[in-house]
Amino acid sequence: MTTIKINERTKSGKAFMAMFEAFFKGVDGIEVVETDSKKTEKEESFYSPEFIEKIKKAEANIKKGKTTRLNPEDIWGSIL
């Protein structure tokens, strides 16, 4: 069994699907199986869970206004 992922929203994906349907519609042994393109975060992400948690925490802090602005002239002074 071979799996081919096709993004049907792209120009090449649409062209491939049109060509595929024209040549292989109704042929024994070939079947188009549509899957749900929405994956869970764990399936889709190649980042570690710890990193994802840090990013989510940072986003929450930004929304709450708890951020630190860095002065590019004196980065260490901005941090300390």
PDB file of N, CA and C in Angstrom:
ATOM      1  N   MET A   1       0.842  -1.168   0.000  1.00  0.00           N
ATOM      2  CA  MET A   1       0.000   0.000   0.000  1.00  0.00           C
ATOM      3  C   MET A   1       0.890   1.235   0.000  1.00  0.00           C
ATOM      4  N   THR A   2       0.558   2.204  -0.804  1.00  0.00           N
ATOM      5  CA  THR A   2       1.287   3.462  -0.899  1.00  0.00           C
ATOM      6  C   THR A   2       0.337   4.600  -0.583  1.00  0.00           C
ATOM      7  N   THR A   3       0.832   5.573   0.147  1.00  0.00           N
ATOM      8  CA  THR A   3       0.029   6.736   0.492  1.00  0.00           C
ATOM      9  C   THR A   3       0.647   7.967  -0.149  1.00  0.00           C
ATOM     10  N   ILE A   4      -0.174   8.769  -0.777  1.00  0.00           N
ATOM     11  CA  ILE A   4       0.264  10.021  -1.387  1.00  0.00           C
ATOM     12  C   ILE A   4      -0.546  11.137  -0.747  1.00  0.00           C
ATOM     13  N   LYS A   5       0.135  12.136  -0.185  1.00  0.00           N
ATOM     14  CA  LYS A   5      -0.565  13.279   0.384  1.00  0.00           C
ATOM     15  C   LYS A   5      -0.658  14.362  -0.683  1.00  0.00           C
ATOM     16  N   ILE A   6      -1.863  14.853  -0.917  1.00  0.00           N
ATOM     17  CA  ILE A   6      -2.093  15.874  -1.932  1.00  0.00           C
ATOM     18  C   ILE A   6      -2.848  17.029  -1.292  1.00  0.00           C
ATOM     19  N   ASN A   7      -2.301  18.217  -1.426  1.00  0.00           N
ATOM     20  CA  ASN A   7      -2.994  19.407  -0.948  1.00  0.00           C
ATOM     21  C   ASN A   7      -3.890  19.885  -2.093  1.00  0.00           C
ATOM     22  N   GLU A   8      -5.161  19.596  -1.978  1.00  0.00           N
ATOM     23  CA  GLU A   8      -6.097  19.912  -3.058  1.00  0.00           C
ATOM     24  C   GLU A   8      -6.400  21.392  -3.174  1.00  0.00           C
ATOM     25  N   ARG A   9      -5.863  22.213  -2.270  1.00  0.00           N
ATOM     26  CA  ARG A   9      -6.074  23.654  -2.359  1.00  0.00           C
ATOM     27  C   ARG A   9      -5.037  24.329  -3.256  1.00  0.00           C
ATOM     28  N   THR A  10      -3.967  23.611  -3.594  1.00  0.00           N
ATOM     29  CA  THR A  10      -2.936  24.202  -4.445  1.00  0.00           C
ATOM     30  C   THR A  10      -3.253  23.927  -5.907  1.00  0.00           C
ATOM     31  N   LYS A  11      -2.640  24.714  -6.768  1.00  0.00           N
ATOM     32  CA  LYS A  11      -2.853  24.564  -8.208  1.00  0.00           C
ATOM     33  C   LYS A  11      -2.383  23.186  -8.687  1.00  0.00           C
ATOM     34  N   SER A  12      -1.210  22.762  -8.225  1.00  0.00           N
ATOM     35  CA  SER A  12      -0.690  21.464  -8.646  1.00  0.00           C
ATOM     36  C   SER A  12      -1.510  20.320  -8.056  1.00  0.00           C
ATOM     37  N   GLY A  13      -1.999  20.501  -6.833  1.00  0.00           N
ATOM     38  CA  GLY A  13      -2.841  19.470  -6.224  1.00  0.00           C
ATOM     39  C   GLY A  13      -4.148  19.286  -6.979  1.00  0.00           C
ATOM     40  N   LYS A  14      -4.757  20.399  -7.381  1.00  0.00           N
ATOM     41  CA  LYS A  14      -5.994  20.329  -8.165  1.00  0.00           C
ATOM     42  C   LYS A  14      -5.743  19.659  -9.509  1.00  0.00           C
ATOM     43  N   ALA A  15      -4.626  20.004 -10.146  1.00  0.00           N
ATOM     44  CA  ALA A  15      -4.295  19.423 -11.449  1.00  0.00           C
ATOM     45  C   ALA A  15      -4.051  17.925 -11.317  1.00  0.00           C
ATOM     46  N   PHE A  16      -3.343  17.525 -10.266  1.00  0.00           N
ATOM     47  CA  PHE A  16      -3.075  16.109 -10.059  1.00  0.00           C
ATOM     48  C   PHE A  16      -4.371  15.339  -9.863  1.00  0.00           C
ATOM     49  N   MET A  17      -5.271  15.863  -9.033  1.00  0.00           N
ATOM     50  CA  MET A  17      -6.536  15.177  -8.786  1.00  0.00           C
ATOM     51  C   MET A  17      -7.378  15.075 -10.046  1.00  0.00           C
ATOM     52  N   ALA A  18      -7.374  16.124 -10.856  1.00  0.00           N
ATOM     53  CA  ALA A  18      -8.130  16.080 -12.110  1.00  0.00           C
ATOM     54  C   ALA A  18      -7.560  15.015 -13.038  1.00  0.00           C
ATOM     55  N   MET A  19      -6.222  14.956 -13.143  1.00  0.00           N
ATOM     56  CA  MET A  19      -5.582  13.958 -13.987  1.00  0.00           C
ATOM     57  C   MET A  19      -5.840  12.550 -13.440  1.00  0.00           C
ATOM     58  N   PHE A  20      -5.735  12.410 -12.140  1.00  0.00           N
ATOM     59  CA  PHE A  20      -5.947  11.112 -11.517  1.00  0.00           C
ATOM     60  C   PHE A  20      -7.358  10.596 -11.786  1.00  0.00           C
ATOM     61  N   GLU A  21      -8.338  11.471 -11.577  1.00  0.00           N
ATOM     62  CA  GLU A  21      -9.731  11.064 -11.798  1.00  0.00           C
ATOM     63  C   GLU A  21      -9.993  10.721 -13.259  1.00  0.00           C
ATOM     64  N   ALA A  22      -9.367  11.442 -14.179  1.00  0.00           N
ATOM     65  CA  ALA A  22      -9.565  11.183 -15.600  1.00  0.00           C
ATOM     66  C   ALA A  22      -8.992   9.828 -16.014  1.00  0.00           C
ATOM     67  N   PHE A  23      -7.835   9.466 -15.486  1.00  0.00           N
ATOM     68  CA  PHE A  23      -7.171   8.244 -15.919  1.00  0.00           C
ATOM     69  C   PHE A  23      -7.538   7.008 -15.111  1.00  0.00           C
ATOM     70  N   PHE A  24      -7.808   7.164 -13.827  1.00  0.00           N
ATOM     71  CA  PHE A  24      -7.936   5.994 -12.973  1.00  0.00           C
ATOM     72  C   PHE A  24      -9.303   5.796 -12.337  1.00  0.00           C
ATOM     73  N   LYS A  25     -10.300   6.557 -12.725  1.00  0.00           N
ATOM     74  CA  LYS A  25     -11.634   6.415 -12.158  1.00  0.00           C
ATOM     75  C   LYS A  25     -12.207   5.050 -12.554  1.00  0.00           C
ATOM     76  N   GLY A  26     -12.580   4.252 -11.567  1.00  0.00           N
ATOM     77  CA  GLY A  26     -13.202   2.966 -11.829  1.00  0.00           C
ATOM     78  C   GLY A  26     -12.232   1.836 -12.121  1.00  0.00           C
ATOM     79  N   VAL A  27     -10.942   2.039 -12.025  1.00  0.00           N
ATOM     80  CA  VAL A  27      -9.961   0.992 -12.274  1.00  0.00           C
ATOM     81  C   VAL A  27      -9.860   0.111 -11.032  1.00  0.00           C
ATOM     82  N   ASP A  28      -9.888  -1.203 -11.235  1.00  0.00           N
ATOM     83  CA  ASP A  28      -9.772  -2.127 -10.105  1.00  0.00           C
ATOM     84  C   ASP A  28      -8.386  -2.009  -9.471  1.00  0.00           C
ATOM     85  N   GLY A  29      -8.337  -2.017  -8.161  1.00  0.00           N
ATOM     86  CA  GLY A  29      -7.077  -1.979  -7.444  1.00  0.00           C
ATOM     87  C   GLY A  29      -6.619  -0.582  -7.065  1.00  0.00           C
ATOM     88  N   ILE A  30      -7.322   0.446  -7.530  1.00  0.00           N
ATOM     89  CA  ILE A  30      -6.962   1.823  -7.178  1.00  0.00           C
ATOM     90  C   ILE A  30      -8.181   2.474  -6.547  1.00  0.00           C
ATOM     91  N   GLU A  31      -7.978   3.029  -5.378  1.00  0.00           N
ATOM     92  CA  GLU A  31      -9.080   3.628  -4.640  1.00  0.00           C
ATOM     93  C   GLU A  31      -8.608   4.938  -4.010  1.00  0.00           C
ATOM     94  N   VAL A  32      -9.443   5.955  -4.076  1.00  0.00           N
ATOM     95  CA  VAL A  32      -9.149   7.224  -3.422  1.00  0.00           C
ATOM     96  C   VAL A  32      -9.810   7.192  -2.055  1.00  0.00           C
ATOM     97  N   VAL A  33      -8.998   7.354  -1.025  1.00  0.00           N
ATOM     98  CA  VAL A  33      -9.494   7.359   0.340  1.00  0.00           C
ATOM     99  C   VAL A  33      -9.231   8.744   0.896  1.00  0.00           C
ATOM    100  N   GLU A  34     -10.287   9.494   1.175  1.00  0.00           N
ATOM    101  CA  GLU A  34     -10.126  10.839   1.714  1.00  0.00           C
ATOM    102  C   GLU A  34     -10.045  10.754   3.221  1.00  0.00           C
ATOM    103  N   THR A  35      -9.097  11.501   3.773  1.00  0.00           N
ATOM    104  CA  THR A  35      -8.933  11.537   5.215  1.00  0.00           C
ATOM    105  C   THR A  35      -9.138  12.955   5.698  1.00  0.00           C
ATOM    106  N   ASP A  36      -9.396  13.080   6.978  1.00  0.00           N
ATOM    107  CA  ASP A  36      -9.566  14.390   7.586  1.00  0.00           C
ATOM    108  C   ASP A  36      -8.203  15.044   7.686  1.00  0.00           C
ATOM    109  N   SER A  37      -8.059  16.231   7.119  1.00  0.00           N
ATOM    110  CA  SER A  37      -6.758  16.897   7.113  1.00  0.00           C
ATOM    111  C   SER A  37      -6.428  17.546   8.447  1.00  0.00           C
ATOM    112  N   LYS A  38      -7.407  17.684   9.324  1.00  0.00           N
ATOM    113  CA  LYS A  38      -7.163  18.289  10.631  1.00  0.00           C
ATOM    114  C   LYS A  38      -6.586  17.220  11.559  1.00  0.00           C
ATOM    115  N   LYS A  39      -5.389  17.480  12.056  1.00  0.00           N
ATOM    116  CA  LYS A  39      -4.739  16.551  12.958  1.00  0.00           C
ATOM    117  C   LYS A  39      -4.692  17.164  14.342  1.00  0.00           C
ATOM    118  N   THR A  40      -4.508  16.307  15.313  1.00  0.00           N
ATOM    119  CA  THR A  40      -4.353  16.830  16.660  1.00  0.00           C
ATOM    120  C   THR A  40      -2.984  17.459  16.777  1.00  0.00           C
ATOM    121  N   GLU A  41      -2.808  18.276  17.782  1.00  0.00           N
ATOM    122  CA  GLU A  41      -1.551  19.002  17.970  1.00  0.00           C
ATOM    123  C   GLU A  41      -0.382  18.038  18.138  1.00  0.00           C
ATOM    124  N   LYS A  42      -0.592  16.925  18.817  1.00  0.00           N
ATOM    125  CA  LYS A  42       0.487  15.967  19.044  1.00  0.00           C
ATOM    126  C   LYS A  42       0.907  15.298  17.742  1.00  0.00           C
ATOM    127  N   GLU A  43      -0.026  14.984  16.850  1.00  0.00           N
ATOM    128  CA  GLU A  43       0.309  14.354  15.587  1.00  0.00           C
ATOM    129  C   GLU A  43       1.031  15.325  14.663  1.00  0.00           C
ATOM    130  N   GLU A  44       0.663  16.584  14.712  1.00  0.00           N
ATOM    131  CA  GLU A  44       1.163  17.572  13.777  1.00  0.00           C
ATOM    132  C   GLU A  44       2.493  18.179  14.206  1.00  0.00           C
ATOM    133  N   SER A  45       2.748  18.239  15.481  1.00  0.00           N
ATOM    134  CA  SER A  45       3.891  18.969  15.993  1.00  0.00           C
ATOM    135  C   SER A  45       5.130  18.094  16.098  1.00  0.00           C
ATOM    136  N   PHE A  46       6.263  18.657  15.708  1.00  0.00           N
ATOM    137  CA  PHE A  46       7.525  17.958  15.919  1.00  0.00           C
ATOM    138  C   PHE A  46       8.317  18.634  17.025  1.00  0.00           C
ATOM    139  N   TYR A  47       7.690  19.588  17.708  1.00  0.00           N
ATOM    140  CA  TYR A  47       8.306  20.251  18.849  1.00  0.00           C
ATOM    141  C   TYR A  47       8.053  19.436  20.107  1.00  0.00           C
ATOM    142  N   SER A  48       8.955  19.560  21.070  1.00  0.00           N
ATOM    143  CA  SER A  48       8.786  18.833  22.323  1.00  0.00           C
ATOM    144  C   SER A  48       7.625  19.450  23.110  1.00  0.00           C
ATOM    145  N   PRO A  49       6.946  18.646  23.919  1.00  0.00           N
ATOM    146  CA  PRO A  49       5.835  19.170  24.728  1.00  0.00           C
ATOM    147  C   PRO A  49       6.270  20.286  25.672  1.00  0.00           C
ATOM    148  N   GLU A  50       7.510  20.215  26.166  1.00  0.00           N
ATOM    149  CA  GLU A  50       8.000  21.252  27.063  1.00  0.00           C
ATOM    150  C   GLU A  50       8.100  22.593  26.333  1.00  0.00           C
ATOM    151  N   PHE A  51       8.599  22.555  25.107  1.00  0.00           N
ATOM    152  CA  PHE A  51       8.727  23.778  24.320  1.00  0.00           C
ATOM    153  C   PHE A  51       7.357  24.370  24.014  1.00  0.00           C
ATOM    154  N   ILE A  52       6.414  23.527  23.659  1.00  0.00           N
ATOM    155  CA  ILE A  52       5.059  23.993  23.357  1.00  0.00           C
ATOM    156  C   ILE A  52       4.451  24.658  24.588  1.00  0.00           C
ATOM    157  N   GLU A  53       4.675  24.060  25.761  1.00  0.00           N
ATOM    158  CA  GLU A  53       4.147  24.634  27.003  1.00  0.00           C
ATOM    159  C   GLU A  53       4.760  26.007  27.279  1.00  0.00           C
ATOM    160  N   LYS A  54       6.063  26.152  27.035  1.00  0.00           N
ATOM    161  CA  LYS A  54       6.727  27.444  27.236  1.00  0.00           C
ATOM    162  C   LYS A  54       6.143  28.508  26.306  1.00  0.00           C
ATOM    163  N   ILE A  55       5.900  28.139  25.063  1.00  0.00           N
ATOM    164  CA  ILE A  55       5.344  29.086  24.087  1.00  0.00           C
ATOM    165  C   ILE A  55       3.938  29.493  24.496  1.00  0.00           C
ATOM    166  N   LYS A  56       3.127  28.536  24.913  1.00  0.00           N
ATOM    167  CA  LYS A  56       1.766  28.859  25.346  1.00  0.00           C
ATOM    168  C   LYS A  56       1.777  29.764  26.568  1.00  0.00           C
ATOM    169  N   LYS A  57       2.706  29.515  27.486  1.00  0.00           N
ATOM    170  CA  LYS A  57       2.814  30.348  28.679  1.00  0.00           C
ATOM    171  C   LYS A  57       3.230  31.768  28.287  1.00  0.00           C
ATOM    172  N   ALA A  58       4.175  31.889  27.350  1.00  0.00           N
ATOM    173  CA  ALA A  58       4.614  33.204  26.881  1.00  0.00           C
ATOM    174  C   ALA A  58       3.472  33.951  26.203  1.00  0.00           C
ATOM    175  N   GLU A  59       2.672  33.254  25.395  1.00  0.00           N
ATOM    176  CA  GLU A  59       1.520  33.896  24.749  1.00  0.00           C
ATOM    177  C   GLU A  59       0.524  34.398  25.781  1.00  0.00           C
ATOM    178  N   ALA A  60       0.286  33.599  26.816  1.00  0.00           N
ATOM    179  CA  ALA A  60      -0.634  34.019  27.880  1.00  0.00           C
ATOM    180  C   ALA A  60      -0.099  35.251  28.602  1.00  0.00           C
ATOM    181  N   ASN A  61       1.211  35.274  28.858  1.00  0.00           N
ATOM    182  CA  ASN A  61       1.815  36.435  29.522  1.00  0.00           C
ATOM    183  C   ASN A  61       1.715  37.687  28.656  1.00  0.00           C
ATOM    184  N   ILE A  62       1.879  37.534  27.359  1.00  0.00           N
ATOM    185  CA  ILE A  62       1.758  38.671  26.435  1.00  0.00           C
ATOM    186  C   ILE A  62       0.335  39.226  26.483  1.00  0.00           C
ATOM    187  N   LYS A  63      -0.655  38.334  26.475  1.00  0.00           N
ATOM    188  CA  LYS A  63      -2.045  38.772  26.535  1.00  0.00           C
ATOM    189  C   LYS A  63      -2.366  39.490  27.843  1.00  0.00           C
ATOM    190  N   LYS A  64      -1.718  39.060  28.922  1.00  0.00           N
ATOM    191  CA  LYS A  64      -1.930  39.687  30.230  1.00  0.00           C
ATOM    192  C   LYS A  64      -1.113  40.961  30.391  1.00  0.00           C
ATOM    193  N   GLY A  65      -0.226  41.232  29.462  1.00  0.00           N
ATOM    194  CA  GLY A  65       0.615  42.414  29.555  1.00  0.00           C
ATOM    195  C   GLY A  65       1.859  42.213  30.397  1.00  0.00           C
ATOM    196  N   LYS A  66       2.155  40.998  30.732  1.00  0.00           N
ATOM    197  CA  LYS A  66       3.339  40.689  31.531  1.00  0.00           C
ATOM    198  C   LYS A  66       4.501  40.356  30.593  1.00  0.00           C
ATOM    199  N   THR A  67       5.063  41.376  29.994  1.00  0.00           N
ATOM    200  CA  THR A  67       6.174  41.163  29.078  1.00  0.00           C
ATOM    201  C   THR A  67       7.344  42.047  29.457  1.00  0.00           C
ATOM    202  N   THR A  68       8.491  41.703  28.979  1.00  0.00           N
ATOM    203  CA  THR A  68       9.692  42.491  29.207  1.00  0.00           C
ATOM    204  C   THR A  68      10.176  43.009  27.864  1.00  0.00           C
ATOM    205  N   ARG A  69      10.361  44.300  27.775  1.00  0.00           N
ATOM    206  CA  ARG A  69      10.882  44.885  26.544  1.00  0.00           C
ATOM    207  C   ARG A  69      12.392  44.971  26.646  1.00  0.00           C
ATOM    208  N   LEU A  70      13.060  44.534  25.595  1.00  0.00           N
ATOM    209  CA  LEU A  70      14.509  44.569  25.565  1.00  0.00           C
ATOM    210  C   LEU A  70      14.983  45.802  24.821  1.00  0.00           C
ATOM    211  N   ASN A  71      15.975  46.451  25.386  1.00  0.00           N
ATOM    212  CA  ASN A  71      16.612  47.584  24.739  1.00  0.00           C
ATOM    213  C   ASN A  71      17.761  47.027  23.901  1.00  0.00           C
ATOM    214  N   PRO A  72      17.729  47.156  22.592  1.00  0.00           N
ATOM    215  CA  PRO A  72      18.791  46.586  21.765  1.00  0.00           C
ATOM    216  C   PRO A  72      20.165  47.198  22.041  1.00  0.00           C
ATOM    217  N   GLU A  73      20.171  48.375  22.623  1.00  0.00           N
ATOM    218  CA  GLU A  73      21.450  49.026  22.951  1.00  0.00           C
ATOM    219  C   GLU A  73      22.076  48.403  24.204  1.00  0.00           C
ATOM    220  N   ASP A  74      21.214  47.866  25.103  1.00  0.00           N
ATOM    221  CA  ASP A  74      21.713  47.312  26.358  1.00  0.00           C
ATOM    222  C   ASP A  74      20.861  46.104  26.731  1.00  0.00           C
ATOM    223  N   ILE A  75      21.064  44.987  26.016  1.00  0.00           N
ATOM    224  CA  ILE A  75      20.240  43.797  26.225  1.00  0.00           C
ATOM    225  C   ILE A  75      20.405  43.278  27.646  1.00  0.00           C
ATOM    226  N   TRP A  76      21.636  43.119  28.128  1.00  0.00           N
ATOM    227  CA  TRP A  76      21.839  42.589  29.472  1.00  0.00           C
ATOM    228  C   TRP A  76      21.247  43.507  30.528  1.00  0.00           C
ATOM    229  N   GLY A  77      21.339  44.763  30.320  1.00  0.00           N
ATOM    230  CA  GLY A  77      20.727  45.700  31.263  1.00  0.00           C
ATOM    231  C   GLY A  77      19.217  45.589  31.274  1.00  0.00           C
ATOM    232  N   SER A  78      18.624  45.289  30.148  1.00  0.00           N
ATOM    233  CA  SER A  78      17.168  45.126  30.047  1.00  0.00           C
ATOM    234  C   SER A  78      16.694  43.868  30.775  1.00  0.00           C
ATOM    235  N   ILE A  79      17.520  42.842  30.729  1.00  0.00           N
ATOM    236  CA  ILE A  79      17.132  41.566  31.327  1.00  0.00           C
ATOM    237  C   ILE A  79      17.267  41.618  32.840  1.00  0.00           C
ATOM    238  N   LEU A  80      18.347  42.198  33.312  1.00  0.00           N
ATOM    239  CA  LEU A  80      18.615  42.182  34.756  1.00  0.00           C
ATOM    240  C   LEU A  80      17.821  43.214  35.426  1.00  0.00           C
TER     241      LEU A  80
END
